[in-house]
Protein backbone atom coordinates (compact mmCIF):
# COMPACT_ATOMS: atom_id res chain seq x y z
CA MET A 1 37.81 47.11 -21.30
CA ARG A 2 34.44 46.14 -19.81
CA ILE A 3 34.90 43.83 -16.83
CA GLY A 4 32.07 42.03 -15.08
CA LEU A 5 32.08 40.04 -11.86
CA TYR A 6 29.72 37.10 -11.39
CA PRO A 7 30.01 36.00 -7.75
CA GLY A 8 28.80 32.86 -6.02
CA THR A 9 29.91 29.77 -4.17
CA PHE A 10 29.42 27.47 -7.19
CA ASP A 11 29.20 24.37 -4.98
CA PRO A 12 28.93 22.84 -7.54
CA ILE A 13 28.58 24.81 -10.76
CA THR A 14 25.26 24.02 -12.46
CA TYR A 15 23.65 24.51 -15.85
CA GLY A 16 21.87 27.51 -14.30
CA HIS A 17 25.24 29.09 -13.50
CA MET A 18 26.50 28.26 -16.98
CA ASP A 19 23.44 29.93 -18.51
CA ILE A 20 24.19 33.18 -16.64
CA ILE A 21 27.91 32.92 -17.48
CA ARG A 22 27.17 32.40 -21.17
CA ARG A 23 24.85 35.38 -21.33
CA SER A 24 27.13 37.58 -19.19
CA ALA A 25 30.03 36.86 -21.52
CA THR A 26 28.18 38.74 -24.28
CA LEU A 27 28.06 41.89 -22.13
CA VAL A 28 31.73 42.22 -21.17
CA ASP A 29 35.24 41.77 -22.50
CA ARG A 30 36.41 39.98 -19.36
CA LEU A 31 34.18 38.01 -17.01
CA VAL A 32 35.52 37.21 -13.57
CA ILE A 33 33.76 34.35 -11.81
CA GLY A 34 34.14 35.30 -8.16
CA VAL A 35 34.31 32.07 -6.17
CA ALA A 36 33.30 32.89 -2.62
CA ILE A 37 35.25 31.36 0.21
CA ASN A 38 32.28 31.05 2.55
CA ARG A 39 33.18 28.85 5.47
CA ASP A 40 29.73 29.41 7.02
CA LYS A 41 28.06 27.55 4.15
CA GLY A 42 30.30 24.49 4.63
CA PRO A 43 30.84 23.75 0.94
CA MET A 44 30.94 20.15 -0.26
CA PHE A 45 33.77 20.92 -2.68
CA SER A 46 37.02 22.59 -1.70
CA LEU A 47 37.86 25.99 -3.13
CA GLU A 48 40.40 24.37 -5.45
CA GLU A 49 37.82 21.87 -6.72
CA ARG A 50 35.22 24.57 -7.35
CA VAL A 51 37.73 26.78 -9.17
CA GLY A 52 38.87 23.78 -11.24
CA MET A 53 35.31 22.89 -12.24
CA ILE A 54 34.60 26.49 -13.26
CA GLU A 55 37.79 26.74 -15.30
CA ALA A 56 37.10 23.42 -17.05
CA GLU A 57 33.48 24.27 -17.84
CA CYS A 58 34.24 27.82 -19.04
CA LYS A 59 37.27 27.04 -21.21
CA ALA A 60 35.34 26.30 -24.42
CA LEU A 61 32.82 29.06 -23.70
CA SER A 62 35.62 31.60 -23.47
CA VAL A 63 36.89 30.56 -26.90
CA GLU A 64 33.36 30.48 -28.34
CA THR A 65 32.41 33.96 -27.11
CA GLY A 66 35.82 35.61 -27.40
CA THR A 67 35.44 36.80 -23.82
CA GLU A 68 38.15 36.12 -21.29
CA ILE A 69 36.57 34.14 -18.46
CA VAL A 70 38.58 33.61 -15.27
CA ALA A 71 37.87 32.19 -11.83
CA HIS A 72 38.89 34.38 -8.90
CA PRO A 73 38.53 33.21 -5.27
CA PHE A 74 37.53 35.89 -2.77
CA GLU A 75 36.74 36.16 0.92
CA ASN A 76 36.24 39.89 1.31
CA LEU A 77 33.24 42.11 0.68
CA LEU A 78 31.75 41.66 -2.76
CA ILE A 79 32.21 45.35 -3.56
CA ASP A 80 35.90 45.09 -2.56
CA CYS A 81 36.31 42.05 -4.80
CA ALA A 82 34.74 44.03 -7.65
CA ARG A 83 37.25 46.82 -7.07
CA ASP A 84 40.13 44.30 -6.81
CA VAL A 85 39.37 42.85 -10.26
CA GLY A 86 38.52 46.21 -11.86
CA ALA A 87 34.87 45.31 -12.48
CA GLN A 88 32.47 48.02 -13.57
CA MET A 89 29.52 45.70 -13.06
CA ILE A 90 28.40 42.88 -10.82
CA VAL A 91 26.27 40.27 -12.54
CA ARG A 92 23.62 38.48 -10.52
CA GLY A 93 21.32 35.72 -11.65
CA LEU A 94 17.70 35.67 -10.55
CA ARG A 95 15.49 32.61 -10.36
CA ALA A 96 12.50 33.77 -8.35
CA VAL A 97 10.96 36.70 -6.47
CA ALA A 98 12.70 35.56 -3.27
CA ASP A 99 16.07 36.03 -5.01
CA PHE A 100 15.08 39.56 -6.01
CA GLU A 101 14.19 40.62 -2.47
CA TYR A 102 17.61 39.60 -1.16
CA GLU A 103 19.46 41.01 -4.18
CA PHE A 104 17.57 44.30 -3.94
CA GLN A 105 18.95 44.80 -0.43
CA MET A 106 22.47 43.89 -1.56
CA VAL A 107 22.35 46.37 -4.43
CA GLY A 108 21.31 49.14 -2.07
CA MET A 109 24.18 48.42 0.30
CA ASN A 110 26.70 48.06 -2.52
CA ARG A 111 25.58 51.38 -4.08
CA VAL A 112 26.28 53.11 -0.76
CA LEU A 113 29.73 51.47 -0.58
CA ASP A 114 30.62 52.29 -4.20
CA SER A 115 28.11 53.95 -6.51
CA SER A 116 30.41 53.58 -9.54
CA ILE A 117 29.86 49.81 -9.74
CA GLU A 118 26.54 48.79 -11.30
CA THR A 119 24.66 45.59 -10.62
CA VAL A 120 23.05 43.84 -13.58
CA PHE A 121 20.39 41.17 -13.09
CA LEU A 122 19.87 38.36 -15.55
CA MET A 123 16.85 36.11 -15.25
CA ALA A 124 17.69 32.46 -15.53
CA GLU A 125 16.26 30.70 -18.56
CA ALA A 126 12.92 29.10 -17.66
CA ARG A 127 14.35 25.56 -17.89
CA HIS A 128 17.06 26.50 -15.35
CA GLN A 129 15.01 28.50 -12.85
CA ALA A 130 14.53 25.64 -10.41
CA ILE A 131 18.19 24.63 -10.34
CA ALA A 132 20.00 25.42 -7.09
CA SER A 133 23.32 23.90 -6.04
CA LYS A 134 21.87 23.11 -2.61
CA LEU A 135 19.05 21.07 -4.18
CA VAL A 136 21.40 19.37 -6.64
CA LYS A 137 23.59 18.20 -3.75
CA GLU A 138 20.57 16.96 -1.81
CA ILE A 139 19.19 15.02 -4.78
CA ALA A 140 22.60 13.47 -5.42
CA ARG A 141 23.11 12.68 -1.73
CA LEU A 142 19.82 10.76 -1.75
CA GLY A 143 20.79 8.80 -4.88
CA GLY A 144 18.81 10.82 -7.41
CA ASP A 145 19.89 11.56 -10.96
CA VAL A 146 21.31 15.08 -11.39
CA HIS A 147 22.66 14.86 -14.95
CA LYS A 148 19.99 17.31 -16.17
CA PHE A 149 21.23 19.94 -13.71
CA VAL A 150 25.02 19.79 -13.97
CA PRO A 151 27.61 19.24 -16.71
CA PRO A 152 28.89 15.64 -17.10
CA ALA A 153 32.28 16.27 -15.44
CA VAL A 154 30.56 17.94 -12.49
CA ASN A 155 28.17 15.00 -12.16
CA ILE A 156 31.15 12.64 -12.03
CA ALA A 157 32.89 14.81 -9.43
CA LEU A 158 29.72 15.02 -7.36
CA ARG A 159 29.21 11.25 -7.42
CA ALA A 160 32.87 10.66 -6.57
CA LYS A 161 32.62 13.07 -3.62
CA LEU A 162 29.61 11.09 -2.37
CA GLY A 163 31.29 7.72 -3.00
CA GLN A 164 28.72 6.84 -5.67
CA THR A 165 28.96 5.56 -9.21
CA PRO A 166 27.54 8.03 -11.79
CA LYS A 167 24.11 7.05 -13.06
CA PRO A 168 24.08 5.87 -16.69
CA LEU A 169 22.27 8.23 -19.06
């Protein structure tokens, strides 16, 4: 069984994340969405909320692709998480050159820690390359419309978290 791990904080999950998840699901039999418990980033959504959003958004995609897609919280080293879930590959999404520079360093370190686990990079679709959870939260915080960046249920959750009413489409 081919198992892939797609890690991130997913705070919140965006259409960019969903694009990478959809395309990753065609490469593996089981895709584990590693939800990082990163207290340093101070996530807007709790771990439980982020896992719930991922599970809700990936349910239909799992059926559609025939790939098992599961959310898995982790707080250890990424390479240890990959070992824990039996992943042969780590999937990383790239949006820009700046992403590549950081990811290149991570791959080098991970290869030293465990050379049996490959890292696969997927470029985000052009229409999703500008989407970043940090920017989505900032736009929403300032009253902007984020429905083009996140699924409807995520938009509702984001607005509720900010004490706002969702913008009509």
